[in-house]
Protein backbone atom coordinates (compact mmCIF):
# COMPACT_ATOMS: atom_id res chain seq x y z
CA UNK A 1 -134.93 54.65 66.29
CA UNK A 2 -133.26 56.65 63.30
CA UNK A 3 -129.38 56.23 64.08
CA UNK A 4 -127.08 58.57 61.73
CA UNK A 5 -123.36 57.92 62.36
CA UNK A 6 -120.97 60.48 61.26
CA UNK A 7 -118.29 58.39 60.22
CA UNK A 8 -115.84 58.32 57.52
CA UNK A 9 -113.64 55.03 57.92
CA UNK A 10 -115.22 52.71 55.32
CA UNK A 11 -114.33 49.53 57.51
CA UNK A 12 -116.19 51.34 60.62
CA UNK A 13 -118.77 52.18 58.13
CA UNK A 14 -119.11 48.67 57.51
CA UNK A 15 -119.06 47.41 61.00
CA UNK A 16 -122.06 49.63 62.30
CA UNK A 17 -123.97 48.89 58.96
CA UNK A 18 -123.93 44.94 60.14
CA UNK A 19 -124.78 45.91 63.32
CA UNK A 20 -127.50 48.72 62.39
CA UNK A 21 -128.70 47.81 59.23
CA UNK A 22 -130.74 51.41 58.61
CA UNK A 23 -128.22 53.44 60.13
CA UNK A 24 -127.93 56.52 58.07
CA UNK A 25 -124.36 58.58 57.24
CA UNK A 26 -125.78 61.99 56.76
CA UNK A 27 -127.47 64.02 59.42
CA UNK A 28 -130.62 65.48 58.13
CA UNK A 29 -132.02 66.46 61.45
CA UNK A 30 -134.79 63.08 62.24
CA UNK A 31 -131.96 61.37 64.16
CA UNK A 32 -132.48 59.90 67.68
CA UNK A 33 -129.06 58.97 68.29
CA UNK A 34 -126.11 60.08 66.70
CA UNK A 35 -123.24 58.25 66.18
CA UNK A 36 -119.12 60.37 66.08
CA UNK A 37 -116.35 59.06 65.47
CA UNK A 38 -114.21 61.59 67.48
CA UNK A 39 -110.88 60.77 65.97
CA UNK A 40 -112.16 62.34 62.75
CA UNK A 41 -115.36 64.73 63.76
CA UNK A 42 -114.99 65.84 67.37
CA UNK A 43 -115.51 69.45 66.57
CA UNK A 44 -119.58 68.49 65.20
CA UNK A 45 -120.43 67.44 69.07
CA UNK A 46 -121.18 70.77 70.41
CA UNK A 47 -122.84 72.17 66.48
CA UNK A 48 -125.01 68.91 66.76
CA UNK A 49 -126.30 69.26 70.27
CA UNK A 50 -127.08 73.27 70.10
CA UNK A 51 -129.18 72.42 66.85
CA UNK A 52 -130.46 68.62 67.75
CA UNK A 53 -130.86 69.50 71.86
CA UNK A 54 -132.76 66.00 72.69
CA UNK A 55 -130.70 63.82 70.17
CA UNK A 56 -128.34 61.11 72.05
CA UNK A 57 -125.04 61.83 71.15
CA UNK A 58 -122.99 58.91 71.41
CA UNK A 59 -119.31 59.28 70.91
CA UNK A 60 -116.37 56.92 70.08
CA UNK A 61 -112.46 57.09 69.94
CA UNK A 62 -108.87 55.99 70.36
CA UNK A 63 -108.26 54.99 74.25
CA UNK A 64 -105.56 57.14 74.68
CA UNK A 65 -106.93 60.07 73.27
CA UNK A 66 -108.00 61.62 76.37
CA UNK A 67 -108.38 64.75 75.33
CA UNK A 68 -110.88 64.14 72.24
CA UNK A 69 -113.07 62.23 74.61
CA UNK A 70 -113.05 65.38 77.56
CA UNK A 71 -113.58 68.09 74.74
CA UNK A 72 -116.87 65.84 73.16
CA UNK A 73 -118.35 65.33 76.84
CA UNK A 74 -117.83 69.05 77.72
CA UNK A 75 -119.59 69.76 74.20
CA UNK A 76 -122.44 67.80 75.04
CA UNK A 77 -121.77 63.97 74.03
CA UNK A 78 -124.45 61.70 76.23
CA UNK A 79 -121.81 58.82 75.96
CA UNK A 80 -118.14 58.62 75.05
CA UNK A 81 -116.55 55.27 74.79
CA UNK A 82 -113.33 53.71 73.48
CA UNK A 83 -113.73 52.28 69.95
CA UNK A 84 -112.92 49.04 71.45
CA UNK A 85 -116.13 48.83 73.74
CA UNK A 86 -118.11 50.58 70.62
CA UNK A 87 -117.24 47.87 68.07
CA UNK A 88 -117.78 45.26 70.85
CA UNK A 89 -121.60 45.55 70.18
CA UNK A 90 -122.66 49.00 68.41
CA UNK A 91 -126.23 48.26 68.67
CA UNK A 92 -126.24 47.98 72.17
CA UNK A 93 -123.99 51.26 72.58
CA UNK A 94 -126.30 53.06 70.80
CA UNK A 95 -129.30 51.96 73.04
CA UNK A 96 -127.22 52.56 75.65
CA UNK A 97 -127.32 49.32 77.29
């Protein structure tokens, strides 16, 4: 499974790389799963969905930002979860378990 994480925070990147060693951080159209930090990049969800209709989009963000979570779901995210839950087990989050 090819995973792309659209994440700019270096600590988040490090945590994701630890859990998913082959993760990429640039979207190239070959990903099976795209992870989006909606606190910084929520606007890209709709664009990803339109350009890559079959990709699984997993979003995470602050648990208190209901507006961003709702917008991500409306834009086509498959999963939207609080960052604490995502980082508990990023591998399980992208696999859907």
